Amino acid sequence: MLRPLLSLLLGFTLLLGVAVPLGMTFVAGAVMPGQAGGSLIRRDGQVVGSALIGQNFSDDRFFQGRPSATSAAPYDATSSAASQLGPTSAALLTAVTERVAGGRDVPADAATASGSGLDPHISPENARAQVPRVATARSLPPARVLALVEQAVEGRELGLFGEPRVNVLRLNLALEVQSQAVAQGTPGGAAPVPR
Protein backbone atom coordinates (compact mmCIF):
# COMPACT_ATOMS: atom_id res chain seq x y z
CA MET A 1 0.00 0.00 0.00
CA LEU A 2 2.87 2.40 0.74
CA ARG A 3 4.63 1.88 -2.60
CA PRO A 4 1.72 3.14 -4.80
CA LEU A 5 1.31 6.20 -2.54
CA LEU A 6 4.99 7.07 -2.74
CA SER A 7 4.92 6.50 -6.51
CA LEU A 8 1.96 8.88 -6.85
CA LEU A 9 3.65 11.44 -4.60
CA LEU A 10 6.86 11.31 -6.62
CA GLY A 11 4.97 11.37 -9.93
CA PHE A 12 2.82 14.38 -9.01
CA THR A 13 5.82 16.17 -7.51
CA LEU A 14 7.72 15.78 -10.77
CA LEU A 15 4.67 16.70 -12.85
CA LEU A 16 3.34 19.65 -10.85
CA GLY A 17 6.55 20.77 -9.17
CA VAL A 18 8.93 20.51 -12.12
CA ALA A 19 7.30 19.85 -15.51
CA VAL A 20 4.38 22.30 -15.29
CA PRO A 21 6.46 25.26 -13.97
CA LEU A 22 9.15 24.65 -16.60
CA GLY A 23 6.49 24.37 -19.29
CA MET A 24 4.81 27.61 -18.18
CA THR A 25 8.18 29.36 -18.08
CA PHE A 26 8.91 28.18 -21.62
CA VAL A 27 5.48 29.25 -22.92
CA ALA A 28 5.70 32.66 -21.20
CA GLY A 29 9.18 33.22 -22.64
CA ALA A 30 7.98 32.32 -26.13
CA VAL A 31 4.69 34.27 -26.05
CA MET A 32 5.67 37.32 -23.96
CA PRO A 33 9.48 37.46 -23.77
CA GLY A 34 9.63 41.04 -22.46
CA GLN A 35 7.24 40.43 -19.59
CA ALA A 36 8.72 37.02 -18.77
CA GLY A 37 12.16 38.65 -18.58
CA GLY A 38 11.07 41.25 -16.00
CA SER A 39 9.75 44.04 -18.27
CA LEU A 40 13.22 45.58 -18.38
CA ILE A 41 13.69 49.10 -19.73
CA ARG A 42 16.91 49.76 -21.63
CA ARG A 43 18.65 52.98 -22.58
CA ASP A 44 21.58 52.86 -24.99
CA GLY A 45 21.69 49.07 -24.60
CA GLN A 46 21.96 49.23 -20.79
CA VAL A 47 19.23 48.10 -18.42
CA VAL A 48 18.10 51.14 -16.42
CA GLY A 49 15.20 49.55 -14.57
CA SER A 50 11.98 47.64 -14.82
CA ALA A 51 8.57 48.89 -15.86
CA LEU A 52 7.20 47.00 -12.85
CA ILE A 53 9.30 48.42 -9.99
CA GLY A 54 9.49 52.10 -9.10
CA GLN A 55 12.72 54.00 -8.55
CA ASN A 56 13.56 56.76 -6.11
CA PHE A 57 13.77 60.09 -7.94
CA SER A 58 14.31 62.90 -5.43
CA ASP A 59 15.92 65.57 -7.63
CA ASP A 60 13.55 68.38 -8.67
CA ARG A 61 14.66 67.81 -12.28
CA PHE A 62 12.74 64.52 -12.34
CA PHE A 63 9.17 63.44 -11.91
CA GLN A 64 8.80 61.68 -8.58
CA GLY A 65 6.84 58.52 -7.88
CA ARG A 66 4.54 57.65 -5.04
CA PRO A 67 5.97 57.51 -1.54
CA SER A 68 7.52 54.11 -0.91
CA ALA A 69 6.68 52.05 2.17
CA THR A 70 9.67 49.72 1.92
CA SER A 71 11.66 49.74 5.12
CA ALA A 72 15.37 49.61 4.23
CA ALA A 73 15.39 52.16 1.40
CA PRO A 74 12.76 53.59 -0.96
CA TYR A 75 11.68 51.13 -3.66
CA ASP A 76 13.77 48.29 -2.22
CA ALA A 77 12.30 45.22 -3.91
CA THR A 78 13.88 42.92 -1.34
CA SER A 79 11.74 44.40 1.44
CA SER A 80 8.46 44.95 -0.36
CA ALA A 81 5.61 45.23 2.10
CA ALA A 82 2.76 47.48 2.98
CA SER A 83 2.99 49.74 6.00
CA GLN A 84 0.03 47.94 7.60
CA LEU A 85 -1.31 51.30 8.81
CA GLY A 86 -5.10 51.47 8.80
CA PRO A 87 -7.28 54.51 8.09
CA THR A 88 -7.53 55.36 11.80
CA SER A 89 -3.78 55.10 12.40
CA ALA A 90 -2.14 58.18 13.92
CA ALA A 91 1.16 57.22 12.25
CA LEU A 92 -0.53 57.18 8.82
CA LEU A 93 -2.17 60.55 9.48
CA THR A 94 1.22 62.01 10.49
CA ALA A 95 2.95 60.62 7.38
CA VAL A 96 0.26 61.92 5.02
CA THR A 97 0.22 65.32 6.74
CA GLU A 98 3.99 65.63 6.28
CA ARG A 99 3.69 64.70 2.60
CA VAL A 100 1.15 67.45 1.95
CA ALA A 101 3.11 70.08 3.85
CA GLY A 102 1.57 73.51 3.81
CA GLY A 103 -1.94 72.22 3.19
CA ARG A 104 -1.38 71.92 -0.54
CA ASP A 105 -4.06 70.23 -2.58
CA VAL A 106 -2.27 67.18 -4.01
CA PRO A 107 -3.51 64.02 -5.71
CA ALA A 108 -4.03 61.12 -3.30
CA ASP A 109 -1.21 59.07 -4.82
CA ALA A 110 1.26 61.86 -4.04
CA ALA A 111 0.51 61.49 -0.32
CA THR A 112 -0.02 57.75 0.09
CA ALA A 113 2.21 54.75 -0.59
CA SER A 114 1.04 51.83 -2.68
CA GLY A 115 0.37 48.44 -1.10
CA SER A 116 3.74 47.03 -2.15
CA GLY A 117 5.73 50.24 -1.79
CA LEU A 118 7.13 49.56 -5.27
CA ASP A 119 4.49 51.05 -7.57
CA PRO A 120 6.21 52.44 -10.71
CA HIS A 121 3.18 54.49 -11.74
CA ILE A 122 1.55 57.73 -10.70
CA SER A 123 -1.77 59.19 -11.74
CA PRO A 124 -1.88 61.62 -14.68
CA GLU A 125 -3.07 64.26 -12.20
CA ASN A 126 0.02 63.69 -10.04
CA ALA A 127 2.30 63.98 -13.09
CA ARG A 128 0.56 67.16 -14.26
CA ALA A 129 0.92 68.69 -10.79
CA GLN A 130 4.70 68.17 -11.00
CA VAL A 131 5.09 69.87 -14.41
CA PRO A 132 5.84 73.40 -13.09
CA ARG A 133 8.58 72.14 -10.73
CA VAL A 134 10.25 69.94 -13.37
CA ALA A 135 9.99 72.57 -16.11
CA THR A 136 11.55 75.22 -13.85
CA ALA A 137 14.36 72.93 -12.69
CA ARG A 138 15.22 72.01 -16.30
CA SER A 139 14.58 75.45 -17.84
CA LEU A 140 12.11 73.92 -20.27
CA PRO A 141 8.80 75.42 -21.36
CA PRO A 142 6.01 73.96 -19.21
CA ALA A 143 3.98 73.21 -22.34
CA ARG A 144 6.75 70.96 -23.64
CA VAL A 145 6.99 69.07 -20.33
CA LEU A 146 3.19 68.76 -20.20
CA ALA A 147 3.23 67.33 -23.74
CA LEU A 148 5.61 64.60 -22.50
CA VAL A 149 3.25 63.82 -19.63
CA GLU A 150 0.25 63.55 -21.96
CA GLN A 151 2.20 61.28 -24.29
CA ALA A 152 3.20 59.06 -21.33
CA VAL A 153 -0.35 58.44 -20.08
CA GLU A 154 -1.20 54.74 -20.33
CA GLY A 155 -4.89 53.85 -20.56
CA ARG A 156 -6.85 51.14 -18.82
CA GLU A 157 -5.84 47.53 -19.50
CA LEU A 158 -8.02 46.20 -22.32
CA GLY A 159 -9.95 49.46 -22.02
CA LEU A 160 -11.62 48.21 -18.83
CA PHE A 161 -9.26 47.40 -15.98
CA GLY A 162 -7.34 49.78 -13.74
CA GLU A 163 -6.98 53.50 -14.03
CA PRO A 164 -5.03 55.69 -16.45
CA ARG A 165 -1.44 55.97 -15.21
CA VAL A 166 2.05 57.26 -16.00
CA ASN A 167 5.19 55.14 -15.65
CA VAL A 168 7.63 57.46 -13.87
CA LEU A 169 10.84 55.85 -15.17
CA ARG A 170 9.67 55.95 -18.79
CA LEU A 171 8.56 59.57 -18.42
CA ASN A 172 11.90 60.57 -16.88
CA LEU A 173 13.81 58.85 -19.69
CA ALA A 174 11.82 60.79 -22.28
CA LEU A 175 12.45 63.96 -20.26
CA GLU A 176 16.21 63.30 -20.35
CA VAL A 177 16.09 62.88 -24.15
CA GLN A 178 14.11 66.11 -24.46
CA SER A 179 16.54 68.02 -22.24
CA GLN A 180 19.53 66.72 -24.20
CA ALA A 181 17.90 67.76 -27.48
CA VAL A 182 17.28 71.27 -26.13
CA ALA A 183 20.87 71.51 -24.85
CA GLN A 184 22.16 70.51 -28.31
CA GLY A 185 19.97 73.12 -29.96
CA THR A 186 17.65 70.64 -31.70
CA PRO A 187 14.51 70.78 -29.53
CA GLY A 188 12.03 69.59 -32.17
CA GLY A 189 8.85 68.11 -30.73
CA ALA A 190 8.32 66.12 -27.59
CA ALA A 191 10.66 63.14 -27.22
CA PRO A 192 8.93 59.78 -27.59
CA VAL A 193 8.16 58.05 -24.31
CA PRO A 194 9.72 54.54 -24.40
CA ARG A 195 7.21 51.69 -24.21
C-alpha atoms as a PDB file:
ATOM      1  CA  MET A   1       0.000   0.000   0.000  1.00  0.00           C
ATOM      2  CA  LEU A   2       2.875   2.397   0.745  1.00  0.00           C
ATOM      3  CA  ARG A   3       4.630   1.876  -2.600  1.00  0.00           C
ATOM      4  CA  PRO A   4       1.721   3.142  -4.796  1.00  0.00           C
ATOM      5  CA  LEU A   5       1.309   6.198  -2.536  1.00  0.00           C
ATOM      6  CA  LEU A   6       4.992   7.066  -2.745  1.00  0.00           C
ATOM      7  CA  SER A   7       4.921   6.498  -6.510  1.00  0.00           C
ATOM      8  CA  LEU A   8       1.961   8.884  -6.848  1.00  0.00           C
ATOM      9  CA  LEU A   9       3.649  11.440  -4.599  1.00  0.00           C
ATOM     10  CA  LEU A  10       6.858  11.311  -6.617  1.00  0.00           C
ATOM     11  CA  GLY A  11       4.974  11.375  -9.932  1.00  0.00           C
ATOM     12  CA  PHE A  12       2.816  14.375  -9.013  1.00  0.00           C
ATOM     13  CA  THR A  13       5.820  16.174  -7.509  1.00  0.00           C
ATOM     14  CA  LEU A  14       7.719  15.780 -10.773  1.00  0.00           C
ATOM     15  CA  LEU A  15       4.670  16.705 -12.848  1.00  0.00           C
ATOM     16  CA  LEU A  16       3.336  19.647 -10.847  1.00  0.00           C
ATOM     17  CA  GLY A  17       6.551  20.772  -9.174  1.00  0.00           C
ATOM     18  CA  VAL A  18       8.927  20.514 -12.122  1.00  0.00           C
ATOM     19  CA  ALA A  19       7.296  19.846 -15.507  1.00  0.00           C
ATOM     20  CA  VAL A  20       4.378  22.304 -15.290  1.00  0.00           C
ATOM     21  CA  PRO A  21       6.456  25.255 -13.970  1.00  0.00           C
ATOM     22  CA  LEU A  22       9.152  24.648 -16.599  1.00  0.00           C
ATOM     23  CA  GLY A  23       6.493  24.371 -19.291  1.00  0.00           C
ATOM     24  CA  MET A  24       4.808  27.608 -18.184  1.00  0.00           C
ATOM     25  CA  THR A  25       8.182  29.361 -18.082  1.00  0.00           C
ATOM     26  CA  PHE A  26       8.910  28.181 -21.624  1.00  0.00           C
ATOM     27  CA  VAL A  27       5.481  29.255 -22.918  1.00  0.00           C
ATOM     28  CA  ALA A  28       5.697  32.657 -21.203  1.00  0.00           C
ATOM     29  CA  GLY A  29       9.181  33.219 -22.636  1.00  0.00           C
ATOM     30  CA  ALA A  30       7.977  32.321 -26.125  1.00  0.00           C
ATOM     31  CA  VAL A  31       4.686  34.270 -26.053  1.00  0.00           C
ATOM     32  CA  MET A  32       5.674  37.317 -23.955  1.00  0.00           C
ATOM     33  CA  PRO A  33       9.477  37.456 -23.770  1.00  0.00           C
ATOM     34  CA  GLY A  34       9.631  41.037 -22.459  1.00  0.00           C
ATOM     35  CA  GLN A  35       7.235  40.429 -19.593  1.00  0.00           C
ATOM     36  CA  ALA A  36       8.725  37.023 -18.775  1.00  0.00           C
ATOM     37  CA  GLY A  37      12.161  38.652 -18.580  1.00  0.00           C
ATOM     38  CA  GLY A  38      11.067  41.249 -16.004  1.00  0.00           C
ATOM     39  CA  SER A  39       9.749  44.041 -18.273  1.00  0.00           C
ATOM     40  CA  LEU A  40      13.216  45.577 -18.380  1.00  0.00           C
ATOM     41  CA  ILE A  41      13.692  49.103 -19.726  1.00  0.00           C
ATOM     42  CA  ARG A  42      16.909  49.764 -21.631  1.00  0.00           C
ATOM     43  CA  ARG A  43      18.650  52.976 -22.578  1.00  0.00           C
ATOM     44  CA  ASP A  44      21.575  52.864 -24.990  1.00  0.00           C
ATOM     45  CA  GLY A  45      21.693  49.074 -24.598  1.00  0.00           C
ATOM     46  CA  GLN A  46      21.959  49.230 -20.791  1.00  0.00           C
ATOM     47  CA  VAL A  47      19.232  48.104 -18.416  1.00  0.00           C
ATOM     48  CA  VAL A  48      18.097  51.144 -16.415  1.00  0.00           C
ATOM     49  CA  GLY A  49      15.198  49.548 -14.569  1.00  0.00           C
ATOM     50  CA  SER A  50      11.984  47.644 -14.824  1.00  0.00           C
ATOM     51  CA  ALA A  51       8.567  48.889 -15.865  1.00  0.00           C
ATOM     52  CA  LEU A  52       7.196  46.996 -12.853  1.00  0.00           C
ATOM     53  CA  ILE A  53       9.296  48.418  -9.995  1.00  0.00           C
ATOM     54  CA  GLY A  54       9.493  52.096  -9.101  1.00  0.00           C
ATOM     55  CA  GLN A  55      12.721  54.000  -8.545  1.00  0.00           C
ATOM     56  CA  ASN A  56      13.557  56.755  -6.108  1.00  0.00           C
ATOM     57  CA  PHE A  57      13.767  60.092  -7.943  1.00  0.00           C
ATOM     58  CA  SER A  58      14.307  62.896  -5.432  1.00  0.00           C
ATOM     59  CA  ASP A  59      15.923  65.571  -7.630  1.00  0.00           C
ATOM     60  CA  ASP A  60      13.555  68.378  -8.674  1.00  0.00           C
ATOM     61  CA  ARG A  61      14.665  67.812 -12.284  1.00  0.00           C
ATOM     62  CA  PHE A  62      12.744  64.524 -12.345  1.00  0.00           C
ATOM     63  CA  PHE A  63       9.168  63.435 -11.905  1.00  0.00           C
ATOM     64  CA  GLN A  64       8.801  61.679  -8.577  1.00  0.00           C
ATOM     65  CA  GLY A  65       6.841  58.516  -7.884  1.00  0.00           C
ATOM     66  CA  ARG A  66       4.538  57.653  -5.040  1.00  0.00           C
ATOM     67  CA  PRO A  67       5.965  57.506  -1.540  1.00  0.00           C
ATOM     68  CA  SER A  68       7.523  54.112  -0.914  1.00  0.00           C
ATOM     69  CA  ALA A  69       6.680  52.052   2.165  1.00  0.00           C
ATOM     70  CA  THR A  70       9.670  49.723   1.915  1.00  0.00           C
ATOM     71  CA  SER A  71      11.659  49.743   5.116  1.00  0.00           C
ATOM     72  CA  ALA A  72      15.369  49.607   4.231  1.00  0.00           C
ATOM     73  CA  ALA A  73      15.385  52.159   1.404  1.00  0.00           C
ATOM     74  CA  PRO A  74      12.759  53.592  -0.962  1.00  0.00           C
ATOM     75  CA  TYR A  75      11.680  51.125  -3.655  1.00  0.00           C
ATOM     76  CA  ASP A  76      13.774  48.286  -2.216  1.00  0.00           C
ATOM     77  CA  ALA A  77      12.296  45.217  -3.913  1.00  0.00           C
ATOM     78  CA  THR A  78      13.884  42.918  -1.335  1.00  0.00           C
ATOM     79  CA  SER A  79      11.741  44.401   1.438  1.00  0.00           C
ATOM     80  CA  SER A  80       8.459  44.950  -0.355  1.00  0.00           C
ATOM     81  CA  ALA A  81       5.608  45.230   2.096  1.00  0.00           C
ATOM     82  CA  ALA A  82       2.757  47.482   2.976  1.00  0.00           C
ATOM     83  CA  SER A  83       2.987  49.738   6.004  1.00  0.00           C
ATOM     84  CA  GLN A  84       0.026  47.944   7.599  1.00  0.00           C
ATOM     85  CA  LEU A  85      -1.313  51.295   8.814  1.00  0.00           C
ATOM     86  CA  GLY A  86      -5.103  51.466   8.797  1.00  0.00           C
ATOM     87  CA  PRO A  87      -7.285  54.511   8.088  1.00  0.00           C
ATOM     88  CA  THR A  88      -7.530  55.365  11.804  1.00  0.00           C
ATOM     89  CA  SER A  89      -3.779  55.104  12.399  1.00  0.00           C
ATOM     90  CA  ALA A  90      -2.137  58.176  13.924  1.00  0.00           C
ATOM     91  CA  ALA A  91       1.162  57.224  12.246  1.00  0.00           C
ATOM     92  CA  LEU A  92      -0.529  57.183   8.818  1.00  0.00           C
ATOM     93  CA  LEU A  93      -2.166  60.552   9.483  1.00  0.00           C
ATOM     94  CA  THR A  94       1.222  62.012  10.494  1.00  0.00           C
ATOM     95  CA  ALA A  95       2.950  60.616   7.378  1.00  0.00           C
ATOM     96  CA  VAL A  96       0.264  61.915   5.017  1.00  0.00           C
ATOM     97  CA  THR A  97       0.217  65.317   6.737  1.00  0.00           C
ATOM     98  CA  GLU A  98       3.990  65.626   6.282  1.00  0.00           C
ATOM     99  CA  ARG A  99       3.687  64.696   2.600  1.00  0.00           C
ATOM    100  CA  VAL A 100       1.153  67.449   1.955  1.00  0.00           C
ATOM    101  CA  ALA A 101       3.112  70.082   3.855  1.00  0.00           C
ATOM    102  CA  GLY A 102       1.573  73.515   3.811  1.00  0.00           C
ATOM    103  CA  GLY A 103      -1.935  72.222   3.192  1.00  0.00           C
ATOM    104  CA  ARG A 104      -1.382  71.919  -0.542  1.00  0.00           C
ATOM    105  CA  ASP A 105      -4.064  70.226  -2.582  1.00  0.00           C
ATOM    106  CA  VAL A 106      -2.271  67.183  -4.007  1.00  0.00           C
ATOM    107  CA  PRO A 107      -3.507  64.018  -5.711  1.00  0.00           C
ATOM    108  CA  ALA A 108      -4.028  61.121  -3.296  1.00  0.00           C
ATOM    109  CA  ASP A 109      -1.213  59.069  -4.819  1.00  0.00           C
ATOM    110  CA  ALA A 110       1.259  61.864  -4.040  1.00  0.00           C
ATOM    111  CA  ALA A 111       0.512  61.492  -0.324  1.00  0.00           C
ATOM    112  CA  THR A 112      -0.023  57.745   0.092  1.00  0.00           C
ATOM    113  CA  ALA A 113       2.209  54.753  -0.594  1.00  0.00           C
ATOM    114  CA  SER A 114       1.036  51.828  -2.677  1.00  0.00           C
ATOM    115  CA  GLY A 115       0.366  48.441  -1.097  1.00  0.00           C
ATOM    116  CA  SER A 116       3.736  47.034  -2.145  1.00  0.00           C
ATOM    117  CA  GLY A 117       5.728  50.245  -1.793  1.00  0.00           C
ATOM    118  CA  LEU A 118       7.127  49.562  -5.272  1.00  0.00           C
ATOM    119  CA  ASP A 119       4.489  51.051  -7.573  1.00  0.00           C
ATOM    120  CA  PRO A 120       6.206  52.442 -10.708  1.00  0.00           C
ATOM    121  CA  HIS A 121       3.176  54.494 -11.739  1.00  0.00           C
ATOM    122  CA  ILE A 122       1.549  57.734 -10.698  1.00  0.00           C
ATOM    123  CA  SER A 123      -1.774  59.187 -11.740  1.00  0.00           C
ATOM    124  CA  PRO A 124      -1.881  61.615 -14.684  1.00  0.00           C
ATOM    125  CA  GLU A 125      -3.066  64.262 -12.197  1.00  0.00           C
ATOM    126  CA  ASN A 126       0.019  63.691 -10.038  1.00  0.00           C
ATOM    127  CA  ALA A 127       2.302  63.981 -13.086  1.00  0.00           C
ATOM    128  CA  ARG A 128       0.564  67.163 -14.264  1.00  0.00           C
ATOM    129  CA  ALA A 129       0.917  68.693 -10.786  1.00  0.00           C
ATOM    130  CA  GLN A 130       4.703  68.165 -11.002  1.00  0.00           C
ATOM    131  CA  VAL A 131       5.092  69.868 -14.407  1.00  0.00           C
ATOM    132  CA  PRO A 132       5.842  73.395 -13.087  1.00  0.00           C
ATOM    133  CA  ARG A 133       8.583  72.137 -10.733  1.00  0.00           C
ATOM    134  CA  VAL A 134      10.247  69.940 -13.368  1.00  0.00           C
ATOM    135  CA  ALA A 135       9.993  72.575 -16.106  1.00  0.00           C
ATOM    136  CA  THR A 136      11.545  75.220 -13.848  1.00  0.00           C
ATOM    137  CA  ALA A 137      14.364  72.928 -12.690  1.00  0.00           C
ATOM    138  CA  ARG A 138      15.216  72.015 -16.303  1.00  0.00           C
ATOM    139  CA  SER A 139      14.582  75.447 -17.839  1.00  0.00           C
ATOM    140  CA  LEU A 140      12.110  73.917 -20.269  1.00  0.00           C
ATOM    141  CA  PRO A 141       8.798  75.417 -21.365  1.00  0.00           C
ATOM    142  CA  PRO A 142       6.013  73.964 -19.205  1.00  0.00           C
ATOM    143  CA  ALA A 143       3.977  73.214 -22.337  1.00  0.00           C
ATOM    144  CA  ARG A 144       6.750  70.957 -23.645  1.00  0.00           C
ATOM    145  CA  VAL A 145       6.990  69.069 -20.327  1.00  0.00           C
ATOM    146  CA  LEU A 146       3.191  68.759 -20.200  1.00  0.00           C
ATOM    147  CA  ALA A 147       3.234  67.325 -23.742  1.00  0.00           C
ATOM    148  CA  LEU A 148       5.613  64.604 -22.501  1.00  0.00           C
ATOM    149  CA  VAL A 149       3.250  63.817 -19.632  1.00  0.00           C
ATOM    150  CA  GLU A 150       0.254  63.555 -21.959  1.00  0.00           C
ATOM    151  CA  GLN A 151       2.201  61.278 -24.286  1.00  0.00           C
ATOM    152  CA  ALA A 152       3.201  59.065 -21.331  1.00  0.00           C
ATOM    153  CA  VAL A 153      -0.350  58.443 -20.078  1.00  0.00           C
ATOM    154  CA  GLU A 154      -1.195  54.743 -20.334  1.00  0.00           C
ATOM    155  CA  GLY A 155      -4.885  53.849 -20.561  1.00  0.00           C
ATOM    156  CA  ARG A 156      -6.846  51.140 -18.824  1.00  0.00           C
ATOM    157  CA  GLU A 157      -5.843  47.528 -19.503  1.00  0.00           C
ATOM    158  CA  LEU A 158      -8.024  46.196 -22.325  1.00  0.00           C
ATOM    159  CA  GLY A 159      -9.950  49.460 -22.023  1.00  0.00           C
ATOM    160  CA  LEU A 160     -11.623  48.207 -18.833  1.00  0.00           C
ATOM    161  CA  PHE A 161      -9.258  47.399 -15.982  1.00  0.00           C
ATOM    162  CA  GLY A 162      -7.345  49.780 -13.740  1.00  0.00           C
ATOM    163  CA  GLU A 163      -6.975  53.503 -14.029  1.00  0.00           C
ATOM    164  CA  PRO A 164      -5.028  55.691 -16.445  1.00  0.00           C
ATOM    165  CA  ARG A 165      -1.435  55.973 -15.209  1.00  0.00           C
ATOM    166  CA  VAL A 166       2.049  57.263 -16.002  1.00  0.00           C
ATOM    167  CA  ASN A 167       5.189  55.140 -15.652  1.00  0.00           C
ATOM    168  CA  VAL A 168       7.630  57.462 -13.870  1.00  0.00           C
ATOM    169  CA  LEU A 169      10.838  55.852 -15.175  1.00  0.00           C
ATOM    170  CA  ARG A 170       9.667  55.949 -18.790  1.00  0.00           C
ATOM    171  CA  LEU A 171       8.560  59.573 -18.421  1.00  0.00           C
ATOM    172  CA  ASN A 172      11.905  60.574 -16.876  1.00  0.00           C
ATOM    173  CA  LEU A 173      13.812  58.848 -19.689  1.00  0.00           C
ATOM    174  CA  ALA A 174      11.816  60.790 -22.279  1.00  0.00           C
ATOM    175  CA  LEU A 175      12.448  63.957 -20.264  1.00  0.00           C
ATOM    176  CA  GLU A 176      16.207  63.299 -20.353  1.00  0.00           C
ATOM    177  CA  VAL A 177      16.092  62.879 -24.147  1.00  0.00           C
ATOM    178  CA  GLN A 178      14.109  66.110 -24.458  1.00  0.00           C
ATOM    179  CA  SER A 179      16.545  68.017 -22.239  1.00  0.00           C
ATOM    180  CA  GLN A 180      19.533  66.716 -24.203  1.00  0.00           C
ATOM    181  CA  ALA A 181      17.903  67.762 -27.475  1.00  0.00           C
ATOM    182  CA  VAL A 182      17.278  71.275 -26.132  1.00  0.00           C
ATOM    183  CA  ALA A 183      20.874  71.507 -24.851  1.00  0.00           C
ATOM    184  CA  GLN A 184      22.161  70.510 -28.307  1.00  0.00           C
ATOM    185  CA  GLY A 185      19.967  73.116 -29.963  1.00  0.00           C
ATOM    186  CA  THR A 186      17.646  70.640 -31.697  1.00  0.00           C
ATOM    187  CA  PRO A 187      14.511  70.781 -29.525  1.00  0.00           C
ATOM    188  CA  GLY A 188      12.030  69.588 -32.166  1.00  0.00           C
ATOM    189  CA  GLY A 189       8.852  68.114 -30.727  1.00  0.00           C
ATOM    190  CA  ALA A 190       8.323  66.121 -27.592  1.00  0.00           C
ATOM    191  CA  ALA A 191      10.664  63.141 -27.222  1.00  0.00           C
ATOM    192  CA  PRO A 192       8.926  59.780 -27.589  1.00  0.00           C
ATOM    193  CA  VAL A 193       8.163  58.049 -24.306  1.00  0.00           C
ATOM    194  CA  PRO A 194       9.719  54.538 -24.404  1.00  0.00           C
ATOM    195  CA  ARG A 195       7.208  51.685 -24.209  1.00  0.00           C
END
